[in-house]
C-alpha atoms as a PDB file:
ATOM      1  CA  MET A   1     -93.074 129.014-247.938  1.00  0.00           C
ATOM      2  CA  PRO A   2     -95.468 126.699-250.109  1.00  0.00           C
ATOM      3  CA  HIS A   3     -97.639 124.842-248.932  1.00  0.00           C
ATOM      4  CA  TYR A   4     -97.534 121.094-249.714  1.00  0.00           C
ATOM      5  CA  ILE A   5     -99.869 118.266-249.330  1.00  0.00           C
ATOM      6  CA  LEU A   6     -99.168 114.717-249.642  1.00  0.00           C
ATOM      7  CA  GLY A   7    -101.383 111.544-250.948  1.00  0.00           C
ATOM      8  CA  ILE A   8    -100.285 108.589-249.547  1.00  0.00           C
ATOM      9  CA  ASP A   9    -101.769 105.018-250.627  1.00  0.00           C
ATOM     10  CA  GLY A  10    -100.315 101.932-248.029  1.00  0.00           C
ATOM     11  CA  GLY A  11    -100.991  98.892-248.818  1.00  0.00           C
ATOM     12  CA  GLY A  12    -100.066  95.619-247.851  1.00  0.00           C
ATOM     13  CA  THR A  13     -97.550  94.823-250.388  1.00  0.00           C
ATOM     14  CA  SER A  14     -96.385  98.524-250.934  1.00  0.00           C
ATOM     15  CA  CYS A  15     -96.888 102.218-250.070  1.00  0.00           C
ATOM     16  CA  ARG A  16     -96.812 104.995-252.371  1.00  0.00           C
ATOM     17  CA  ALA A  17     -96.680 108.894-251.602  1.00  0.00           C
ATOM     18  CA  ALA A  18     -97.017 111.922-254.046  1.00  0.00           C
ATOM     19  CA  VAL A  19     -96.588 115.678-252.867  1.00  0.00           C
ATOM     20  CA  ALA A  20     -98.722 118.234-254.737  1.00  0.00           C
ATOM     21  CA  ASP A  21     -98.894 122.146-254.587  1.00  0.00           C
ATOM     22  CA  ALA A  22    -101.802 123.540-252.709  1.00  0.00           C
ATOM     23  CA  THR A  23    -104.271 123.006-255.834  1.00  0.00           C
ATOM     24  CA  GLY A  24    -103.251 119.492-256.003  1.00  0.00           C
ATOM     25  CA  ARG A  25    -100.642 119.480-258.968  1.00  0.00           C
ATOM     26  CA  ILE A  26     -98.501 116.586-258.871  1.00  0.00           C
ATOM     27  CA  LEU A  27     -95.198 117.644-258.261  1.00  0.00           C
ATOM     28  CA  GLY A  28     -93.157 114.456-257.413  1.00  0.00           C
ATOM     29  CA  ARG A  29     -93.815 110.645-256.147  1.00  0.00           C
ATOM     30  CA  GLY A  30     -92.018 107.544-254.350  1.00  0.00           C
ATOM     31  CA  LYS A  31     -92.330 104.347-253.366  1.00  0.00           C
ATOM     32  CA  SER A  32     -91.210 102.176-250.382  1.00  0.00           C
ATOM     33  CA  GLY A  33     -92.669  99.056-248.611  1.00  0.00           C
ATOM     34  CA  ALA A  34     -95.584  97.601-247.093  1.00  0.00           C
ATOM     35  CA  ALA A  35     -97.774  99.759-245.265  1.00  0.00           C
ATOM     36  CA  ASN A  36    -100.497  97.980-243.362  1.00  0.00           C
ATOM     37  CA  ILE A  37    -101.068  99.619-240.085  1.00  0.00           C
ATOM     38  CA  LEU A  38    -102.879  96.886-238.482  1.00  0.00           C
ATOM     39  CA  THR A  39    -100.444  94.276-238.943  1.00  0.00           C
ATOM     40  CA  ASP A  40     -97.233  95.931-238.754  1.00  0.00           C
ATOM     41  CA  PRO A  41     -97.701  99.340-237.692  1.00  0.00           C
ATOM     42  CA  ASP A  42     -93.922 100.208-236.888  1.00  0.00           C
ATOM     43  CA  ASN A  43     -93.100  99.010-240.396  1.00  0.00           C
ATOM     44  CA  ALA A  44     -95.925 100.803-242.313  1.00  0.00           C
ATOM     45  CA  LEU A  45     -94.781 104.467-240.215  1.00  0.00           C
ATOM     46  CA  ILE A  46     -91.172 104.412-241.804  1.00  0.00           C
ATOM     47  CA  HIS A  47     -92.377 103.307-245.328  1.00  0.00           C
ATOM     48  CA  ILE A  48     -94.779 106.379-245.124  1.00  0.00           C
ATOM     49  CA  VAL A  49     -92.153 108.080-244.221  1.00  0.00           C
ATOM     50  CA  GLY A  50     -89.560 106.959-246.959  1.00  0.00           C
ATOM     51  CA  ALA A  51     -92.091 107.013-249.688  1.00  0.00           C
ATOM     52  CA  SER A  52     -93.461 110.728-248.746  1.00  0.00           C
ATOM     53  CA  LYS A  53     -89.283 111.944-248.820  1.00  0.00           C
ATOM     54  CA  ALA A  54     -88.751 110.283-252.056  1.00  0.00           C
ATOM     55  CA  ALA A  55     -91.520 111.941-253.117  1.00  0.00           C
ATOM     56  CA  PHE A  56     -89.921 115.247-251.878  1.00  0.00           C
ATOM     57  CA  GLU A  57     -86.824 114.308-253.334  1.00  0.00           C
ATOM     58  CA  GLU A  58     -88.185 113.592-256.721  1.00  0.00           C
ATOM     59  CA  ALA A  59     -89.919 117.213-257.297  1.00  0.00           C
ATOM     60  CA  GLY A  60     -86.628 118.556-256.184  1.00  0.00           C
ATOM     61  CA  ILE A  61     -87.427 119.548-252.793  1.00  0.00           C
ATOM     62  CA  ALA A  62     -86.230 119.349-249.495  1.00  0.00           C
ATOM     63  CA  PRO A  63     -87.488 116.128-247.365  1.00  0.00           C
ATOM     64  CA  SER A  64     -87.280 118.385-244.155  1.00  0.00           C
ATOM     65  CA  VAL A  65     -90.226 120.347-245.191  1.00  0.00           C
ATOM     66  CA  ILE A  66     -92.544 116.923-244.936  1.00  0.00           C
ATOM     67  CA  ASN A  67     -92.929 118.333-241.471  1.00  0.00           C
ATOM     68  CA  SER A  68     -95.122 121.553-242.563  1.00  0.00           C
ATOM     69  CA  ALA A  69     -96.801 119.091-244.963  1.00  0.00           C
ATOM     70  CA  SER A  70    -100.394 118.484-244.618  1.00  0.00           C
ATOM     71  CA  ALA A  71    -101.246 114.539-245.522  1.00  0.00           C
ATOM     72  CA  LEU A  72    -104.549 112.338-246.442  1.00  0.00           C
ATOM     73  CA  LEU A  73    -103.074 108.575-245.960  1.00  0.00           C
ATOM     74  CA  GLY A  74    -105.613 105.673-247.251  1.00  0.00           C
ATOM     75  CA  VAL A  75    -103.705 102.468-245.581  1.00  0.00           C
ATOM     76  CA  ALA A  76    -105.294  99.212-244.743  1.00  0.00           C
ATOM     77  CA  GLY A  77    -106.554  98.080-241.534  1.00  0.00           C
ATOM     78  CA  SER A  78    -107.813 101.978-241.190  1.00  0.00           C
ATOM     79  CA  ASN A  79    -110.693 100.377-239.635  1.00  0.00           C
ATOM     80  CA  VAL A  80    -109.340  99.647-235.999  1.00  0.00           C
ATOM     81  CA  GLY A  81    -108.892 102.917-234.467  1.00  0.00           C
ATOM     82  CA  ASP A  82    -106.251 101.857-231.434  1.00  0.00           C
ATOM     83  CA  ALA A  83    -103.827 101.505-235.019  1.00  0.00           C
ATOM     84  CA  VAL A  84    -105.096 104.344-236.595  1.00  0.00           C
ATOM     85  CA  HIS A  85    -104.510 106.718-233.366  1.00  0.00           C
ATOM     86  CA  TYR A  86    -101.131 104.704-233.055  1.00  0.00           C
ATOM     87  CA  VAL A  87     -99.737 105.924-236.321  1.00  0.00           C
ATOM     88  CA  ARG A  88    -101.202 109.020-236.238  1.00  0.00           C
ATOM     89  CA  GLU A  89     -99.679 109.807-233.082  1.00  0.00           C
ATOM     90  CA  ARG A  90     -95.780 109.300-234.671  1.00  0.00           C
ATOM     91  CA  LEU A  91     -96.875 110.923-238.245  1.00  0.00           C
ATOM     92  CA  PRO A  92     -94.411 113.889-238.781  1.00  0.00           C
ATOM     93  CA  PHE A  93     -96.703 115.942-240.654  1.00  0.00           C
ATOM     94  CA  ALA A  94     -98.012 119.162-239.980  1.00  0.00           C
ATOM     95  CA  LYS A  95    -101.666 117.724-240.309  1.00  0.00           C
ATOM     96  CA  ALA A  96    -102.539 114.032-241.061  1.00  0.00           C
ATOM     97  CA  ASP A  97    -105.964 112.316-241.850  1.00  0.00           C
ATOM     98  CA  ILE A  98    -105.554 108.336-242.037  1.00  0.00           C
ATOM     99  CA  GLU A  99    -108.848 107.119-244.317  1.00  0.00           C
ATOM    100  CA  SER A 100    -109.614 103.367-245.705  1.00  0.00           C
ATOM    101  CA  ASP A 101    -107.933 102.606-248.895  1.00  0.00           C
ATOM    102  CA  GLY A 102    -110.923 102.121-250.718  1.00  0.00           C
ATOM    103  CA  LEU A 103    -111.863 105.364-249.844  1.00  0.00           C
ATOM    104  CA  ILE A 104    -109.042 106.264-251.902  1.00  0.00           C
ATOM    105  CA  ALA A 105    -108.988 104.290-254.305  1.00  0.00           C
ATOM    106  CA  LEU A 106    -113.041 105.282-255.078  1.00  0.00           C
ATOM    107  CA  GLN A 107    -111.970 108.489-255.174  1.00  0.00           C
ATOM    108  CA  GLY A 108    -109.705 107.880-257.892  1.00  0.00           C
ATOM    109  CA  ALA A 109    -111.520 105.243-259.936  1.00  0.00           C
ATOM    110  CA  LEU A 110    -114.870 107.071-260.118  1.00  0.00           C
ATOM    111  CA  GLY A 111    -114.027 110.837-258.774  1.00  0.00           C
ATOM    112  CA  ASP A 112    -117.013 112.170-257.555  1.00  0.00           C
ATOM    113  CA  SER A 113    -119.875 110.078-258.953  1.00  0.00           C
ATOM    114  CA  ASP A 114    -121.877 107.204-257.222  1.00  0.00           C
ATOM    115  CA  GLY A 115    -120.960 103.758-258.080  1.00  0.00           C
ATOM    116  CA  ALA A 116    -118.697 100.671-255.967  1.00  0.00           C
ATOM    117  CA  VAL A 117    -115.324  99.388-255.965  1.00  0.00           C
ATOM    118  CA  ALA A 118    -113.329  96.019-255.163  1.00  0.00           C
ATOM    119  CA  ILE A 119    -110.240  96.335-254.397  1.00  0.00           C
ATOM    120  CA  LEU A 120    -108.568  92.948-254.740  1.00  0.00           C
ATOM    121  CA  GLY A 121    -105.204  92.658-254.064  1.00  0.00           C
ATOM    122  CA  THR A 122    -102.960  91.573-250.691  1.00  0.00           C
ATOM    123  CA  GLY A 123    -106.236  92.320-248.628  1.00  0.00           C
ATOM    124  CA  SER A 124    -109.953  92.780-250.068  1.00  0.00           C
ATOM    125  CA  ILE A 125    -112.440  95.530-249.354  1.00  0.00           C
ATOM    126  CA  TYR A 126    -115.862  96.987-251.244  1.00  0.00           C
ATOM    127  CA  ILE A 127    -116.600 100.680-250.631  1.00  0.00           C
ATOM    128  CA  SER A 128    -119.694 102.341-252.631  1.00  0.00           C
ATOM    129  CA  ARG A 129    -121.042 105.684-252.719  1.00  0.00           C
ATOM    130  CA  LEU A 130    -124.424 106.927-253.564  1.00  0.00           C
ATOM    131  CA  GLY A 131    -125.096 110.349-252.882  1.00  0.00           C
ATOM    132  CA  GLU A 132    -123.691 111.829-249.660  1.00  0.00           C
ATOM    133  CA  GLU A 133    -123.431 108.049-248.113  1.00  0.00           C
ATOM    134  CA  ILE A 134    -120.398 106.056-248.118  1.00  0.00           C
ATOM    135  CA  SER A 135    -120.643 102.140-247.463  1.00  0.00           C
ATOM    136  CA  TYR A 136    -117.723  99.768-246.628  1.00  0.00           C
ATOM    137  CA  ILE A 137    -118.135  95.889-246.670  1.00  0.00           C
ATOM    138  CA  GLY A 138    -115.101  93.874-245.657  1.00  0.00           C
ATOM    139  CA  GLY A 139    -111.514  95.070-244.727  1.00  0.00           C
ATOM    140  CA  TRP A 140    -111.368  93.430-241.409  1.00  0.00           C
ATOM    141  CA  GLY A 141    -108.321  91.845-241.713  1.00  0.00           C
ATOM    142  CA  PHE A 142    -106.279  88.879-242.816  1.00  0.00           C
ATOM    143  CA  GLN A 143    -107.415  87.080-239.344  1.00  0.00           C
ATOM    144  CA  ILE A 144    -111.129  87.389-239.739  1.00  0.00           C
ATOM    145  CA  GLY A 145    -111.767  89.450-243.107  1.00  0.00           C
ATOM    146  CA  ASP A 146    -110.373  90.251-246.802  1.00  0.00           C
ATOM    147  CA  LEU A 147    -111.831  87.218-248.242  1.00  0.00           C
ATOM    148  CA  GLY A 148    -110.963  87.018-252.220  1.00  0.00           C
ATOM    149  CA  SER A 149    -107.383  88.555-251.056  1.00  0.00           C
ATOM    150  CA  GLY A 150    -104.401  87.258-252.559  1.00  0.00           C
ATOM    151  CA  ALA A 151    -103.267  86.855-248.649  1.00  0.00           C
ATOM    152  CA  ARG A 152    -106.049  84.438-247.916  1.00  0.00           C
ATOM    153  CA  LEU A 153    -106.026  82.748-251.780  1.00  0.00           C
ATOM    154  CA  GLY A 154    -102.069  82.295-250.669  1.00  0.00           C
ATOM    155  CA  HIS A 155    -102.864  80.448-247.365  1.00  0.00           C
ATOM    156  CA  ALA A 156    -105.664  78.482-248.795  1.00  0.00           C
ATOM    157  CA  LEU A 157    -103.116  77.217-250.977  1.00  0.00           C
ATOM    158  CA  LEU A 158    -100.698  76.640-248.367  1.00  0.00           C
ATOM    159  CA  GLN A 159    -103.039  74.630-246.594  1.00  0.00           C
ATOM    160  CA  GLU A 160    -104.452  72.451-249.043  1.00  0.00           C
ATOM    161  CA  SER A 161    -100.928  71.774-250.234  1.00  0.00           C
ATOM    162  CA  VAL A 162    -100.294  70.259-246.854  1.00  0.00           C
ATOM    163  CA  LEU A 163    -103.531  68.424-247.062  1.00  0.00           C
ATOM    164  CA  ALA A 164    -102.533  67.248-250.086  1.00  0.00           C
ATOM    165  CA  PHE A 165     -99.194  65.924-248.479  1.00  0.00           C
ATOM    166  CA  ASP A 166    -101.215  63.761-246.179  1.00  0.00           C
ATOM    167  CA  HIS A 167    -102.885  62.524-248.530  1.00  0.00           C
ATOM    168  CA  ILE A 168    -106.336  64.363-246.890  1.00  0.00           C
ATOM    169  CA  HIS A 169    -106.635  65.967-250.094  1.00  0.00           C
ATOM    170  CA  PRO A 170    -106.147  64.686-253.545  1.00  0.00           C
ATOM    171  CA  SER A 171    -102.560  66.464-254.853  1.00  0.00           C
ATOM    172  CA  SER A 172    -102.070  67.878-257.758  1.00  0.00           C
ATOM    173  CA  PRO A 173     -99.508  69.753-260.151  1.00  0.00           C
ATOM    174  CA  LEU A 174     -99.930  72.592-257.902  1.00  0.00           C
ATOM    175  CA  THR A 175     -99.267  71.239-254.781  1.00  0.00           C
ATOM    176  CA  ASP A 176     -96.683  69.282-255.517  1.00  0.00           C
ATOM    177  CA  ALA A 177     -95.158  72.071-256.679  1.00  0.00           C
ATOM    178  CA  ILE A 178     -95.558  74.254-253.420  1.00  0.00           C
ATOM    179  CA  MET A 179     -94.369  71.337-251.362  1.00  0.00           C
ATOM    180  CA  ALA A 180     -91.237  71.188-253.236  1.00  0.00           C
ATOM    181  CA  GLU A 181     -90.487  74.766-252.531  1.00  0.00           C
ATOM    182  CA  PHE A 182     -90.401  73.665-248.810  1.00  0.00           C
ATOM    183  CA  ASN A 183     -88.674  70.513-249.456  1.00  0.00           C
ATOM    184  CA  SER A 184     -91.218  68.429-249.052  1.00  0.00           C
ATOM    185  CA  ASP A 185     -91.780  69.151-245.402  1.00  0.00           C
ATOM    186  CA  PRO A 186     -94.612  70.471-243.868  1.00  0.00           C
ATOM    187  CA  ARG A 187     -92.450  71.575-240.718  1.00  0.00           C
ATOM    188  CA  GLU A 188     -91.020  74.288-243.589  1.00  0.00           C
ATOM    189  CA  VAL A 189     -94.526  75.476-243.817  1.00  0.00           C
ATOM    190  CA  VAL A 190     -95.585  75.652-240.227  1.00  0.00           C
ATOM    191  CA  GLU A 191     -92.354  77.334-239.932  1.00  0.00           C
ATOM    192  CA  PHE A 192     -93.400  80.375-242.470  1.00  0.00           C
ATOM    193  CA  ALA A 193     -96.687  80.205-241.520  1.00  0.00           C
ATOM    194  CA  ARG A 194     -95.792  80.841-237.719  1.00  0.00           C
ATOM    195  CA  ALA A 195     -94.310  84.315-238.721  1.00  0.00           C
ATOM    196  CA  ALA A 196     -95.661  85.386-242.121  1.00  0.00           C
ATOM    197  CA  HIS A 197     -97.664  88.570-243.011  1.00  0.00           C
ATOM    198  CA  PRO A 198    -100.460  88.934-245.105  1.00  0.00           C
ATOM    199  CA  GLY A 199     -97.936  90.210-247.801  1.00  0.00           C
ATOM    200  CA  GLU A 200     -96.088  87.521-247.674  1.00  0.00           C
ATOM    201  CA  TYR A 201     -99.235  84.815-248.371  1.00  0.00           C
ATOM    202  CA  GLY A 202    -100.105  87.137-250.994  1.00  0.00           C
ATOM    203  CA  ARG A 203     -97.172  86.232-253.369  1.00  0.00           C
ATOM    204  CA  TYR A 204     -98.588  82.693-253.456  1.00  0.00           C
ATOM    205  CA  ALA A 205    -101.873  83.788-255.268  1.00  0.00           C
ATOM    206  CA  PRO A 206    -100.566  84.132-258.868  1.00  0.00           C
ATOM    207  CA  LYS A 207     -99.270  81.064-258.513  1.00  0.00           C
ATOM    208  CA  VAL A 208    -103.004  79.623-258.135  1.00  0.00           C
ATOM    209  CA  PHE A 209    -104.568  81.797-261.312  1.00  0.00           C
ATOM    210  CA  ASP A 210    -101.105  80.189-263.482  1.00  0.00           C
ATOM    211  CA  TYR A 211    -101.800  76.851-262.214  1.00  0.00           C
ATOM    212  CA  ALA A 212    -105.893  77.396-263.220  1.00  0.00           C
ATOM    213  CA  ASP A 213    -104.985  78.367-266.765  1.00  0.00           C
ATOM    214  CA  ARG A 214    -103.141  74.876-267.255  1.00  0.00           C
ATOM    215  CA  GLU A 215    -106.568  72.998-265.879  1.00  0.00           C
ATOM    216  CA  ASP A 216    -104.751  72.252-262.803  1.00  0.00           C
ATOM    217  CA  PRO A 217    -107.898  71.103-260.437  1.00  0.00           C
ATOM    218  CA  VAL A 218    -106.556  72.341-257.516  1.00  0.00           C
ATOM    219  CA  ALA A 219    -106.148  75.914-258.577  1.00  0.00           C
ATOM    220  CA  ILE A 220    -109.388  75.601-260.493  1.00  0.00           C
ATOM    221  CA  ALA A 221    -111.051  75.027-256.854  1.00  0.00           C
ATOM    222  CA  LEU A 222    -109.685  77.657-254.893  1.00  0.00           C
ATOM    223  CA  LEU A 223    -110.393  80.029-256.922  1.00  0.00           C
ATOM    224  CA  LYS A 224    -113.755  79.006-257.572  1.00  0.00           C
ATOM    225  CA  ALA A 225    -114.127  79.269-254.099  1.00  0.00           C
ATOM    226  CA  SER A 226    -112.241  82.655-253.568  1.00  0.00           C
ATOM    227  CA  ALA A 227    -114.179  84.122-256.382  1.00  0.00           C
ATOM    228  CA  GLN A 228    -117.661  83.325-254.935  1.00  0.00           C
ATOM    229  CA  THR A 229    -116.247  85.661-252.108  1.00  0.00           C
ATOM    230  CA  ILE A 230    -115.672  88.253-253.586  1.00  0.00           C
ATOM    231  CA  ASN A 231    -119.445  87.704-255.454  1.00  0.00           C
ATOM    232  CA  GLU A 232    -120.988  87.456-253.024  1.00  0.00           C
ATOM    233  CA  GLY A 233    -119.508  91.511-252.037  1.00  0.00           C
ATOM    234  CA  LEU A 234    -120.582  92.514-255.033  1.00  0.00           C
ATOM    235  CA  ASP A 235    -123.696  91.733-254.304  1.00  0.00           C
ATOM    236  CA  VAL A 236    -123.788  93.905-251.506  1.00  0.00           C
ATOM    237  CA  VAL A 237    -123.088  96.791-253.030  1.00  0.00           C
ATOM    238  CA  VAL A 238    -125.270  96.072-256.080  1.00  0.00           C
ATOM    239  CA  ARG A 239    -128.388  95.822-253.675  1.00  0.00           C
ATOM    240  CA  ARG A 240    -127.452  99.219-252.332  1.00  0.00           C
ATOM    241  CA  GLY A 241    -127.582 100.405-255.283  1.00  0.00           C
ATOM    242  CA  SER A 242    -124.817 100.853-257.412  1.00  0.00           C
ATOM    243  CA  ALA A 243    -124.790 100.243-261.055  1.00  0.00           C
ATOM    244  CA  LYS A 244    -121.068 100.438-261.426  1.00  0.00           C
ATOM    245  CA  LEU A 245    -118.556  98.435-260.338  1.00  0.00           C
ATOM    246  CA  CYS A 246    -114.606  98.847-261.106  1.00  0.00           C
ATOM    247  CA  LEU A 247    -112.592  95.879-259.653  1.00  0.00           C
ATOM    248  CA  LEU A 248    -109.086  97.762-258.597  1.00  0.00           C
ATOM    249  CA  GLY A 249    -106.005  95.676-256.961  1.00  0.00           C
ATOM    250  CA  GLY A 250    -103.287  93.838-258.314  1.00  0.00           C
ATOM    251  CA  LEU A 251    -105.653  90.485-258.320  1.00  0.00           C
ATOM    252  CA  ALA A 252    -108.432  92.693-260.486  1.00  0.00           C
ATOM    253  CA  PRO A 253    -107.711  91.572-263.795  1.00  0.00           C
ATOM    254  CA  LEU A 254    -106.812  88.304-262.854  1.00  0.00           C
ATOM    255  CA  TYR A 255    -110.119  87.660-261.111  1.00  0.00           C
ATOM    256  CA  ARG A 256    -112.290  89.501-263.557  1.00  0.00           C
ATOM    257  CA  PRO A 257    -113.190  86.169-265.924  1.00  0.00           C
ATOM    258  CA  TRP A 258    -114.029  84.014-262.603  1.00  0.00           C
ATOM    259  CA  LEU A 259    -116.740  86.192-261.431  1.00  0.00           C
ATOM    260  CA  ALA A 260    -120.492  85.793-261.802  1.00  0.00           C
ATOM    261  CA  GLU A 261    -122.069  86.353-265.252  1.00  0.00           C
ATOM    262  CA  ARG A 262    -124.538  88.565-263.198  1.00  0.00           C
ATOM    263  CA  HIS A 263    -121.787  91.342-262.625  1.00  0.00           C
ATOM    264  CA  GLN A 264    -120.221  91.384-266.219  1.00  0.00           C
ATOM    265  CA  PRO A 265    -121.891  94.260-267.482  1.00  0.00           C
ATOM    266  CA  LEU A 266    -121.912  96.583-264.276  1.00  0.00           C
ATOM    267  CA  PHE A 267    -118.168  97.009-264.715  1.00  0.00           C
ATOM    268  CA  VAL A 268    -116.196  99.388-265.569  1.00  0.00           C
ATOM    269  CA  GLU A 269    -112.738 101.007-265.886  1.00  0.00           C
ATOM    270  CA  SER A 270    -110.938 103.013-263.930  1.00  0.00           C
ATOM    271  CA  ALA A 271    -110.743 106.618-263.966  1.00  0.00           C
ATOM    272  CA  ALA A 272    -107.800 106.971-262.547  1.00  0.00           C
ATOM    273  CA  ASP A 273    -105.557 105.260-259.637  1.00  0.00           C
ATOM    274  CA  ALA A 274    -105.845 105.085-255.932  1.00  0.00           C
ATOM    275  CA  LEU A 275    -102.884 107.440-255.219  1.00  0.00           C
ATOM    276  CA  THR A 276    -104.289 109.999-257.658  1.00  0.00           C
ATOM    277  CA  GLY A 277    -107.571 109.619-255.273  1.00  0.00           C
ATOM    278  CA  SER A 278    -105.931 110.429-252.514  1.00  0.00           C
ATOM    279  CA  VAL A 279    -104.121 113.255-253.706  1.00  0.00           C
ATOM    280  CA  ALA A 280    -107.725 114.887-254.676  1.00  0.00           C
ATOM    281  CA  LEU A 281    -109.451 114.179-251.059  1.00  0.00           C
ATOM    282  CA  ALA A 282    -106.211 115.456-249.809  1.00  0.00           C
ATOM    283  CA  ALA A 283    -106.543 118.776-251.865  1.00  0.00           C
ATOM    284  CA  LYS A 284    -110.210 118.863-251.179  1.00  0.00           C
ATOM    285  CA  ARG A 285    -109.178 118.912-246.939  1.00  0.00           C
ATOM    286  CA  PHE A 286    -105.945 120.601-247.231  1.00  0.00           C
ATOM    287  CA  GLY A 287    -106.029 122.578-250.776  1.00  0.00           C
ATOM    288  CA  VAL A 288    -106.655 125.846-251.948  1.00  0.00           C
ATOM    289  CA  ARG A 289    -110.067 127.221-250.594  1.00  0.00           C
ATOM    290  CA  THR A 290    -111.988 130.245-251.661  1.00  0.00           C
ATOM    291  CA  GLY A 291    -110.904 133.012-252.608  1.00  0.00           C
ATOM    292  CA  GLY A 292    -107.121 131.489-252.334  1.00  0.00           C
ATOM    293  CA  GLN A 293    -106.995 130.622-248.596  1.00  0.00           C
ATOM    294  CA  ILE A 294    -105.167 127.395-247.333  1.00  0.00           C
END
């Protein structure tokens, strides 16, 4: 039976998988729901398996073959040991490595060259490579980290909207629109927040950019504060020697104009996406080796 490898990109909004042959040639792709192993490990497992099966189906391979495949997972929440162990023990693959979503993004964006990526999506993390040294900054999860992320920006927007409702801070068309979604009742905001996952907060982030384009003062203030936290992260990777910066994630193109002028000359375009990076790393670890052996 041919040996198949899987590259998996699991984020707070969706999970993507690609099945490849032992040389790393992609045969099929699949997509499923959110796969943050820290905030919701059980659903993350469901979506990891679902995306993997969908990739096998697209490739015309029986999904049952995933039990003999080797997989490399780049997922949000991979820096928390208990979550990693919980998920790894329940994965159906013959072999599996769990890495940071930042590592697969770095590999996809820059290949094997030096530089750094900032992933700005539902969560946020910075990862840099200088020679053999790889460094991580941030990515500590919604509760205490992920500054500049869509989840934190959306959370800040809801908080600011309630403050405006209470006349503690000035209101704006943006805060009025948010409160209208909750029937102008802060109790409904509280009920939403009580059970909301990062991805649910993150869905409000695009509204901030939209209203900032309309010169909404609250939106502009929120974006300036959020962009400042991103600038601080970029400052660290630059001090560590990164001369190339790549912004990744759904919010990356929206944030770029808001970031400091000192970083603009260092930005480069990504060579490939995180899923491609995950497949590349999977091929290095589980694919064809010297003499054509697996």
